[in-house]
C-alpha atoms as a PDB file:
ATOM      1  CA  MET A   1    -124.062 -75.791   0.909  1.00  0.00           C
ATOM      2  CA  ALA A   2    -122.567 -74.473  -2.319  1.00  0.00           C
ATOM      3  CA  LEU A   3    -123.251 -71.727  -4.821  1.00  0.00           C
ATOM      4  CA  LEU A   4    -124.068 -73.070  -8.284  1.00  0.00           C
ATOM      5  CA  LEU A   5    -123.337 -70.682 -11.143  1.00  0.00           C
ATOM      6  CA  ALA A   6    -124.882 -71.317 -14.560  1.00  0.00           C
ATOM      7  CA  GLY A   7    -126.029 -69.114 -17.411  1.00  0.00           C
ATOM      8  CA  GLY A   8    -125.503 -65.900 -15.488  1.00  0.00           C
ATOM      9  CA  LYS A   9    -127.615 -67.070 -12.548  1.00  0.00           C
ATOM     10  CA  SER A  10    -126.639 -68.364  -9.118  1.00  0.00           C
ATOM     11  CA  PHE A  11    -128.382 -70.780  -6.762  1.00  0.00           C
ATOM     12  CA  ASP A  12    -127.633 -71.890  -3.194  1.00  0.00           C
ATOM     13  CA  VAL A  13    -127.848 -75.692  -3.228  1.00  0.00           C
ATOM     14  CA  ASP A  14    -127.178 -78.600  -0.870  1.00  0.00           C
ATOM     15  CA  ALA A  15    -126.997 -81.303  -3.561  1.00  0.00           C
ATOM     16  CA  LEU A  16    -127.016 -81.874  -7.323  1.00  0.00           C
ATOM     17  CA  LEU A  17    -129.193 -84.440  -9.093  1.00  0.00           C
ATOM     18  CA  PHE A  18    -128.054 -85.434 -12.587  1.00  0.00           C
ATOM     19  CA  ASP A  19    -129.796 -87.120 -15.453  1.00  0.00           C
ATOM     20  CA  LYS A  20    -127.432 -89.683 -17.048  1.00  0.00           C
ATOM     21  CA  ASP A  21    -127.657 -89.965 -20.831  1.00  0.00           C
ATOM     22  CA  GLY A  22    -127.196 -86.678 -22.657  1.00  0.00           C
ATOM     23  CA  THR A  23    -126.132 -85.037 -19.395  1.00  0.00           C
ATOM     24  CA  LEU A  24    -123.262 -87.080 -17.970  1.00  0.00           C
ATOM     25  CA  LEU A  25    -122.699 -89.435 -20.911  1.00  0.00           C
ATOM     26  CA  GLU A  26    -122.877 -88.950 -24.669  1.00  0.00           C
ATOM     27  CA  PHE A  27    -126.329 -90.270 -25.534  1.00  0.00           C
ATOM     28  CA  SER A  28    -125.825 -91.274 -29.162  1.00  0.00           C
ATOM     29  CA  TYR A  29    -122.507 -92.995 -28.481  1.00  0.00           C
ATOM     30  CA  THR A  30    -124.007 -95.500 -26.034  1.00  0.00           C
ATOM     31  CA  TRP A  31    -127.546 -95.865 -27.308  1.00  0.00           C
ATOM     32  CA  GLY A  32    -126.584 -95.860 -30.966  1.00  0.00           C
ATOM     33  CA  VAL A  33    -124.564 -99.028 -30.345  1.00  0.00           C
ATOM     34  CA  TRP A  34    -127.395-100.492 -28.250  1.00  0.00           C
ATOM     35  CA  THR A  35    -129.960 -99.781 -30.983  1.00  0.00           C
ATOM     36  CA  ARG A  36    -127.732-101.245 -33.695  1.00  0.00           C
ATOM     37  CA  HIS A  37    -127.293-104.515 -31.814  1.00  0.00           C
ATOM     38  CA  MET A  38    -131.021-104.747 -31.095  1.00  0.00           C
ATOM     39  CA  GLN A  39    -131.845-104.135 -34.760  1.00  0.00           C
ATOM     40  CA  GLU A  40    -129.287-106.614 -36.084  1.00  0.00           C
ATOM     41  CA  LYS A  41    -130.450-109.402 -33.765  1.00  0.00           C
ATOM     42  CA  PHE A  42    -134.133-108.741 -34.457  1.00  0.00           C
ATOM     43  CA  THR A  43    -133.428-108.806 -38.187  1.00  0.00           C
ATOM     44  CA  SER A  44    -131.639-112.153 -37.902  1.00  0.00           C
ATOM     45  CA  ILE A  45    -134.682-113.599 -36.113  1.00  0.00           C
ATOM     46  CA  LEU A  46    -137.042-112.250 -38.762  1.00  0.00           C
ATOM     47  CA  GLU A  47    -134.928-113.498 -41.664  1.00  0.00           C
ATOM     48  CA  ALA A  48    -134.743-116.978 -40.115  1.00  0.00           C
ATOM     49  CA  LYS A  49    -138.534-117.024 -40.379  1.00  0.00           C
ATOM     50  CA  GLY A  50    -138.538-115.734 -43.954  1.00  0.00           C
ATOM     51  CA  ILE A  51    -139.770-112.296 -42.931  1.00  0.00           C
ATOM     52  CA  ALA A  52    -138.488-108.968 -44.260  1.00  0.00           C
ATOM     53  CA  PRO A  53    -135.722-107.477 -42.078  1.00  0.00           C
ATOM     54  CA  LEU A  54    -136.129-104.531 -39.735  1.00  0.00           C
ATOM     55  CA  ASP A  55    -134.172-101.639 -41.211  1.00  0.00           C
ATOM     56  CA  ARG A  56    -131.915 -99.688 -38.852  1.00  0.00           C
ATOM     57  CA  ASP A  57    -133.435 -96.376 -39.896  1.00  0.00           C
ATOM     58  CA  GLU A  58    -136.940 -97.743 -39.357  1.00  0.00           C
ATOM     59  CA  LEU A  59    -136.131 -98.744 -35.797  1.00  0.00           C
ATOM     60  CA  GLY A  60    -134.359 -95.421 -35.338  1.00  0.00           C
ATOM     61  CA  LYS A  61    -137.513 -93.590 -36.365  1.00  0.00           C
ATOM     62  CA  GLU A  62    -139.564 -95.799 -34.029  1.00  0.00           C
ATOM     63  CA  TRP A  63    -137.320 -95.050 -31.054  1.00  0.00           C
ATOM     64  CA  GLY A  64    -136.148 -91.523 -31.875  1.00  0.00           C
ATOM     65  CA  ILE A  65    -132.519 -91.830 -32.964  1.00  0.00           C
ATOM     66  CA  THR A  66    -130.896 -90.958 -36.312  1.00  0.00           C
ATOM     67  CA  PHE A  67    -128.052 -92.782 -38.029  1.00  0.00           C
ATOM     68  CA  ALA A  68    -125.480 -91.710 -40.628  1.00  0.00           C
ATOM     69  CA  SER A  69    -124.802 -93.789 -43.729  1.00  0.00           C
ATOM     70  CA  ASP A  70    -121.869 -95.502 -41.973  1.00  0.00           C
ATOM     71  CA  GLY A  71    -124.179 -96.754 -39.217  1.00  0.00           C
ATOM     72  CA  SER A  72    -123.044 -94.353 -36.504  1.00  0.00           C
ATOM     73  CA  ALA A  73    -125.707 -92.529 -34.493  1.00  0.00           C
ATOM     74  CA  ILE A  74    -125.620 -88.795 -35.102  1.00  0.00           C
ATOM     75  CA  ALA A  75    -128.703 -87.367 -33.365  1.00  0.00           C
ATOM     76  CA  TYR A  76    -131.579 -88.235 -31.073  1.00  0.00           C
ATOM     77  CA  ASP A  77    -135.006 -86.893 -30.236  1.00  0.00           C
ATOM     78  CA  ARG A  78    -134.830 -85.481 -26.706  1.00  0.00           C
ATOM     79  CA  GLY A  79    -138.546 -86.097 -26.325  1.00  0.00           C
ATOM     80  CA  GLY A  80    -138.552 -89.519 -27.971  1.00  0.00           C
ATOM     81  CA  PRO A  81    -138.927 -93.047 -26.561  1.00  0.00           C
ATOM     82  CA  LEU A  82    -135.204 -93.856 -26.462  1.00  0.00           C
ATOM     83  CA  ALA A  83    -134.366 -90.685 -24.557  1.00  0.00           C
ATOM     84  CA  ALA A  84    -137.396 -90.471 -22.295  1.00  0.00           C
ATOM     85  CA  GLY A  85    -139.063 -93.881 -22.322  1.00  0.00           C
ATOM     86  CA  THR A  86    -138.590 -96.950 -20.162  1.00  0.00           C
ATOM     87  CA  LEU A  87    -136.990-100.210 -21.246  1.00  0.00           C
ATOM     88  CA  ALA A  88    -140.395-101.867 -21.178  1.00  0.00           C
ATOM     89  CA  GLU A  89    -141.775 -99.209 -23.518  1.00  0.00           C
ATOM     90  CA  LEU A  90    -138.883 -99.661 -25.970  1.00  0.00           C
ATOM     91  CA  LEU A  91    -139.396-103.418 -26.004  1.00  0.00           C
ATOM     92  CA  SER A  92    -143.108-102.920 -26.634  1.00  0.00           C
ATOM     93  CA  LEU A  93    -142.354-100.728 -29.641  1.00  0.00           C
ATOM     94  CA  LEU A  94    -139.932-103.337 -30.967  1.00  0.00           C
ATOM     95  CA  THR A  95    -142.526-106.049 -30.379  1.00  0.00           C
ATOM     96  CA  ALA A  96    -144.995-103.995 -32.428  1.00  0.00           C
ATOM     97  CA  CYS A  97    -142.490-103.885 -35.306  1.00  0.00           C
ATOM     98  CA  GLY A  98    -142.443-107.690 -35.382  1.00  0.00           C
ATOM     99  CA  TYR A  99    -146.212-107.897 -35.093  1.00  0.00           C
ATOM    100  CA  ARG A 100    -146.676-105.592 -38.066  1.00  0.00           C
ATOM    101  CA  ARG A 101    -144.409-107.914 -40.072  1.00  0.00           C
ATOM    102  CA  GLY A 102    -146.537-110.966 -39.377  1.00  0.00           C
ATOM    103  CA  LEU A 103    -145.275-112.421 -36.109  1.00  0.00           C
ATOM    104  CA  SER A 104    -147.831-113.091 -33.415  1.00  0.00           C
ATOM    105  CA  TRP A 105    -147.575-110.724 -30.463  1.00  0.00           C
ATOM    106  CA  SER A 106    -146.219-113.539 -28.291  1.00  0.00           C
ATOM    107  CA  GLU A 107    -143.604-114.524 -30.887  1.00  0.00           C
ATOM    108  CA  SER A 108    -142.499-110.944 -31.312  1.00  0.00           C
ATOM    109  CA  ARG A 109    -142.294-110.354 -27.576  1.00  0.00           C
ATOM    110  CA  VAL A 110    -140.052-113.428 -27.167  1.00  0.00           C
ATOM    111  CA  ALA A 111    -137.903-112.172 -30.057  1.00  0.00           C
ATOM    112  CA  ALA A 112    -137.540-108.764 -28.377  1.00  0.00           C
ATOM    113  CA  GLN A 113    -136.351-110.431 -25.164  1.00  0.00           C
ATOM    114  CA  GLU A 114    -133.823-112.492 -27.137  1.00  0.00           C
ATOM    115  CA  CYS A 115    -132.540-109.275 -28.673  1.00  0.00           C
ATOM    116  CA  LEU A 116    -132.191-107.687 -25.261  1.00  0.00           C
ATOM    117  CA  LYS A 117    -130.171-110.610 -23.895  1.00  0.00           C
ATOM    118  CA  TYR A 118    -127.892-110.608 -26.931  1.00  0.00           C
ATOM    119  CA  THR A 119    -127.431-106.836 -26.805  1.00  0.00           C
ATOM    120  CA  GLU A 120    -126.603-106.842 -23.093  1.00  0.00           C
ATOM    121  CA  GLU A 121    -123.833-109.352 -23.784  1.00  0.00           C
ATOM    122  CA  GLN A 122    -122.437-107.230 -26.603  1.00  0.00           C
ATOM    123  CA  MET A 123    -122.568-104.034 -24.562  1.00  0.00           C
ATOM    124  CA  HIS A 124    -120.763-105.683 -21.666  1.00  0.00           C
ATOM    125  CA  THR A 125    -117.956-106.654 -24.047  1.00  0.00           C
ATOM    126  CA  GLU A 126    -117.728-103.358 -25.965  1.00  0.00           C
ATOM    127  CA  ARG A 127    -118.448-100.931 -23.098  1.00  0.00           C
ATOM    128  CA  PRO A 128    -119.492 -97.985 -25.299  1.00  0.00           C
ATOM    129  CA  ALA A 129    -119.562 -94.965 -22.990  1.00  0.00           C
ATOM    130  CA  LEU A 130    -118.157 -91.459 -23.305  1.00  0.00           C
ATOM    131  CA  ALA A 131    -118.279 -88.705 -20.690  1.00  0.00           C
ATOM    132  CA  LEU A 132    -119.559 -85.351 -21.924  1.00  0.00           C
ATOM    133  CA  PRO A 133    -117.441 -82.170 -21.641  1.00  0.00           C
ATOM    134  CA  GLY A 134    -116.937 -80.902 -18.110  1.00  0.00           C
ATOM    135  CA  VAL A 135    -118.504 -83.907 -16.395  1.00  0.00           C
ATOM    136  CA  PRO A 136    -115.420 -85.421 -14.683  1.00  0.00           C
ATOM    137  CA  GLU A 137    -114.307 -81.969 -13.581  1.00  0.00           C
ATOM    138  CA  LEU A 138    -117.708 -81.003 -12.152  1.00  0.00           C
ATOM    139  CA  LEU A 139    -118.057 -84.298 -10.280  1.00  0.00           C
ATOM    140  CA  ALA A 140    -114.541 -83.933  -8.881  1.00  0.00           C
ATOM    141  CA  ALA A 141    -115.380 -80.378  -7.751  1.00  0.00           C
ATOM    142  CA  CYS A 142    -118.496 -81.666  -5.959  1.00  0.00           C
ATOM    143  CA  GLN A 143    -116.434 -84.316  -4.219  1.00  0.00           C
ATOM    144  CA  GLN A 144    -113.773 -81.801  -3.221  1.00  0.00           C
ATOM    145  CA  ILE A 145    -116.237 -79.476  -1.478  1.00  0.00           C
ATOM    146  CA  GLY A 146    -118.373 -82.299  -0.065  1.00  0.00           C
ATOM    147  CA  LEU A 147    -121.486 -81.551  -2.119  1.00  0.00           C
ATOM    148  CA  PRO A 148    -123.656 -84.697  -2.431  1.00  0.00           C
ATOM    149  CA  VAL A 149    -124.600 -85.808  -5.939  1.00  0.00           C
ATOM    150  CA  ALA A 150    -127.052 -88.416  -7.233  1.00  0.00           C
ATOM    151  CA  VAL A 151    -128.279 -89.750 -10.560  1.00  0.00           C
ATOM    152  CA  VAL A 152    -131.965 -89.776 -11.519  1.00  0.00           C
ATOM    153  CA  THR A 153    -132.350 -91.504 -14.874  1.00  0.00           C
ATOM    154  CA  ALA A 154    -135.051 -92.928 -17.129  1.00  0.00           C
ATOM    155  CA  ASP A 155    -132.691 -95.865 -17.613  1.00  0.00           C
ATOM    156  CA  GLU A 156    -132.820 -99.029 -15.523  1.00  0.00           C
ATOM    157  CA  THR A 157    -130.667 -98.768 -12.371  1.00  0.00           C
ATOM    158  CA  THR A 158    -128.515-101.758 -13.344  1.00  0.00           C
ATOM    159  CA  TYR A 159    -127.690-100.212 -16.702  1.00  0.00           C
ATOM    160  CA  ALA A 160    -127.007 -96.814 -15.150  1.00  0.00           C
ATOM    161  CA  VAL A 161    -124.520 -98.223 -12.641  1.00  0.00           C
ATOM    162  CA  GLN A 162    -122.901-100.292 -15.373  1.00  0.00           C
ATOM    163  CA  HIS A 163    -122.487 -97.421 -17.824  1.00  0.00           C
ATOM    164  CA  LEU A 164    -121.046 -95.078 -15.209  1.00  0.00           C
ATOM    165  CA  SER A 165    -118.704 -97.770 -13.888  1.00  0.00           C
ATOM    166  CA  TRP A 166    -117.231 -98.263 -17.369  1.00  0.00           C
ATOM    167  CA  LEU A 167    -115.781 -94.751 -17.011  1.00  0.00           C
ATOM    168  CA  GLY A 168    -115.032 -94.981 -13.298  1.00  0.00           C
ATOM    169  CA  LEU A 169    -117.650 -92.347 -12.471  1.00  0.00           C
ATOM    170  CA  ASP A 170    -120.024 -94.423 -10.350  1.00  0.00           C
ATOM    171  CA  GLY A 171    -118.062 -93.795  -7.165  1.00  0.00           C
ATOM    172  CA  TYR A 172    -118.914 -90.084  -7.201  1.00  0.00           C
ATOM    173  CA  PHE A 173    -122.616 -90.671  -6.554  1.00  0.00           C
ATOM    174  CA  ALA A 174    -124.292 -91.167  -3.200  1.00  0.00           C
ATOM    175  CA  GLU A 175    -127.331 -92.590  -5.023  1.00  0.00           C
ATOM    176  CA  ILE A 176    -128.003 -93.891  -8.531  1.00  0.00           C
ATOM    177  CA  ILE A 177    -131.752 -94.105  -9.061  1.00  0.00           C
ATOM    178  CA  GLY A 178    -133.282 -95.613 -12.180  1.00  0.00           C
ATOM    179  CA  THR A 179    -136.888 -95.494 -13.256  1.00  0.00           C
ATOM    180  CA  ASP A 180    -137.348 -99.064 -12.017  1.00  0.00           C
ATOM    181  CA  GLN A 181    -137.084 -97.826  -8.411  1.00  0.00           C
ATOM    182  CA  VAL A 182    -140.187 -95.612  -8.547  1.00  0.00           C
ATOM    183  CA  GLU A 183    -143.828 -96.006  -9.464  1.00  0.00           C
ATOM    184  CA  TYR A 184    -143.784 -93.108 -11.911  1.00  0.00           C
ATOM    185  CA  GLY A 185    -140.737 -92.016 -13.902  1.00  0.00           C
ATOM    186  CA  LYS A 186    -140.068 -88.696 -15.595  1.00  0.00           C
ATOM    187  CA  PRO A 187    -141.720 -86.205 -15.830  1.00  0.00           C
ATOM    188  CA  PHE A 188    -143.245 -87.114 -12.467  1.00  0.00           C
ATOM    189  CA  PRO A 189    -141.335 -86.012  -9.329  1.00  0.00           C
ATOM    190  CA  ASP A 190    -140.885 -89.500  -7.829  1.00  0.00           C
ATOM    191  CA  MET A 191    -137.167 -89.940  -8.555  1.00  0.00           C
ATOM    192  CA  VAL A 192    -136.259 -86.517  -7.208  1.00  0.00           C
ATOM    193  CA  GLU A 193    -138.297 -87.142  -4.076  1.00  0.00           C
ATOM    194  CA  LEU A 194    -136.690 -90.561  -3.567  1.00  0.00           C
ATOM    195  CA  ALA A 195    -133.180 -89.192  -4.087  1.00  0.00           C
ATOM    196  CA  CYS A 196    -133.769 -86.328  -1.677  1.00  0.00           C
ATOM    197  CA  SER A 197    -135.262 -88.687   0.901  1.00  0.00           C
ATOM    198  CA  ARG A 198    -132.211 -90.909   0.770  1.00  0.00           C
ATOM    199  CA  LEU A 199    -129.838 -87.949   0.891  1.00  0.00           C
ATOM    200  CA  GLY A 200    -131.761 -86.370   3.750  1.00  0.00           C
ATOM    201  CA  ILE A 201    -132.109 -83.099   1.827  1.00  0.00           C
ATOM    202  CA  ASP A 202    -135.236 -81.081   1.086  1.00  0.00           C
ATOM    203  CA  PRO A 203    -136.048 -80.890  -2.671  1.00  0.00           C
ATOM    204  CA  THR A 204    -136.129 -77.105  -2.448  1.00  0.00           C
ATOM    205  CA  ARG A 205    -132.381 -77.250  -1.717  1.00  0.00           C
ATOM    206  CA  VAL A 206    -131.249 -79.213  -4.778  1.00  0.00           C
ATOM    207  CA  ALA A 207    -130.601 -78.506  -8.451  1.00  0.00           C
ATOM    208  CA  VAL A 208    -131.617 -80.924 -11.184  1.00  0.00           C
ATOM    209  CA  ILE A 209    -129.379 -80.972 -14.261  1.00  0.00           C
ATOM    210  CA  GLY A 210    -130.649 -82.645 -17.428  1.00  0.00           C
ATOM    211  CA  ASP A 211    -130.928 -82.470 -21.206  1.00  0.00           C
ATOM    212  CA  THR A 212    -134.638 -83.128 -21.790  1.00  0.00           C
ATOM    213  CA  ASN A 213    -137.768 -81.231 -20.910  1.00  0.00           C
ATOM    214  CA  GLY A 214    -138.895 -84.339 -19.056  1.00  0.00           C
ATOM    215  CA  ASP A 215    -136.010 -83.645 -16.671  1.00  0.00           C
ATOM    216  CA  MET A 216    -137.102 -80.042 -16.309  1.00  0.00           C
ATOM    217  CA  ARG A 217    -140.752 -80.947 -15.733  1.00  0.00           C
ATOM    218  CA  MET A 218    -139.698 -83.526 -13.142  1.00  0.00           C
ATOM    219  CA  ALA A 219    -137.650 -80.851 -11.397  1.00  0.00           C
ATOM    220  CA  ARG A 220    -140.491 -78.342 -11.448  1.00  0.00           C
ATOM    221  CA  ALA A 221    -142.978 -80.914 -10.168  1.00  0.00           C
ATOM    222  CA  ALA A 222    -140.675 -81.685  -7.240  1.00  0.00           C
ATOM    223  CA  GLY A 223    -140.232 -77.995  -6.419  1.00  0.00           C
ATOM    224  CA  VAL A 224    -136.426 -77.999  -6.644  1.00  0.00           C
ATOM    225  CA  ARG A 225    -134.203 -74.963  -6.211  1.00  0.00           C
ATOM    226  CA  ALA A 226    -133.088 -74.927  -9.850  1.00  0.00           C
ATOM    227  CA  ALA A 227    -133.904 -76.763 -13.090  1.00  0.00           C
ATOM    228  CA  VAL A 228    -130.734 -76.517 -15.189  1.00  0.00           C
ATOM    229  CA  GLY A 229    -131.042 -77.568 -18.825  1.00  0.00           C
ATOM    230  CA  LEU A 230    -128.181 -78.614 -21.086  1.00  0.00           C
ATOM    231  CA  ALA A 231    -128.663 -77.620 -24.726  1.00  0.00           C
ATOM    232  CA  GLU A 232    -127.380 -75.315 -27.421  1.00  0.00           C
ATOM    233  CA  GLY A 233    -128.562 -74.000 -30.753  1.00  0.00           C
ATOM    234  CA  ALA A 234    -131.976 -75.141 -31.917  1.00  0.00           C
ATOM    235  CA  ALA A 235    -132.209 -77.650 -29.058  1.00  0.00           C
ATOM    236  CA  ILE A 236    -132.671 -74.804 -26.573  1.00  0.00           C
ATOM    237  CA  SER A 237    -136.288 -74.472 -27.702  1.00  0.00           C
ATOM    238  CA  GLU A 238    -136.894 -78.079 -26.596  1.00  0.00           C
ATOM    239  CA  LEU A 239    -136.427 -77.136 -22.923  1.00  0.00           C
ATOM    240  CA  PRO A 240    -139.218 -74.619 -22.233  1.00  0.00           C
ATOM    241  CA  ASP A 241    -139.428 -75.583 -18.551  1.00  0.00           C
ATOM    242  CA  ALA A 242    -135.750 -75.022 -17.761  1.00  0.00           C
ATOM    243  CA  GLU A 243    -134.951 -72.192 -15.405  1.00  0.00           C
ATOM    244  CA  VAL A 244    -131.556 -71.707 -17.009  1.00  0.00           C
ATOM    245  CA  ILE A 245    -129.850 -73.368 -20.004  1.00  0.00           C
ATOM    246  CA  VAL A 246    -126.143 -73.885 -20.667  1.00  0.00           C
ATOM    247  CA  PRO A 247    -124.385 -75.916 -23.404  1.00  0.00           C
ATOM    248  CA  SER A 248    -122.860 -78.531 -21.083  1.00  0.00           C
ATOM    249  CA  CYS A 249    -121.602 -79.253 -17.584  1.00  0.00           C
ATOM    250  CA  ALA A 250    -118.414 -77.428 -18.564  1.00  0.00           C
ATOM    251  CA  GLN A 251    -120.330 -74.149 -18.163  1.00  0.00           C
ATOM    252  CA  ILE A 252    -121.458 -74.926 -14.596  1.00  0.00           C
ATOM    253  CA  GLU A 253    -119.352 -73.630 -11.703  1.00  0.00           C
ATOM    254  CA  LEU A 254    -119.409 -74.270  -7.960  1.00  0.00           C
ATOM    255  CA  ARG A 255    -118.283 -71.975  -5.177  1.00  0.00           C
ATOM    256  CA  VAL A 256    -118.285 -72.568  -1.464  1.00  0.00           C
END
């Protein structure tokens, strides 16, 4: 057991469950690169068929991510498809983009899968991942006091393990659970319940830490001890179901 301190509140907890993107890792850094590769490959397929290209900003609007003029991702919609949706949902939205341009649904679906394969290869080579402030320190503190930690992410499990391993963070987690391991992803409680089952800990004894209201609703639905949101400024209003909100993991403390 440990005492979690955040935002002027304290909670007795037996484990911490973390969202991944936007909580442990910089969301825009990883998924901006992923989106750019998907868009570039899809555009090359369209142009080969004499069809108008898919603009990066158009795909960004479709998925909920914003790009600067130099092509770097600068913001994302915490409630949007890229942040809260599944891989299958993202591919369906991309398929719809091709369909609206004149491809048949089958042609566009094949094109989306080709984009995914290409993008996975590029991501494996580039390894774009960046830990958010306070994350390595908080994970090390958990390890030092023997507090179990797990990941519950809307991402696929394979991707989650891969992204965390790029930074050498995967070894901190007793469980890494992606949305592909449960019937219902966020905001349903399934991932929290699965993580707690595997850890042998009651959900009422864990804290969920995340950056979207889907994380907070998942936590509430599972009846956890604390739903800790990460946000600052205007983004605070996007987490109405958080019990407490702090800017980042750097503002979370643990005491034995």
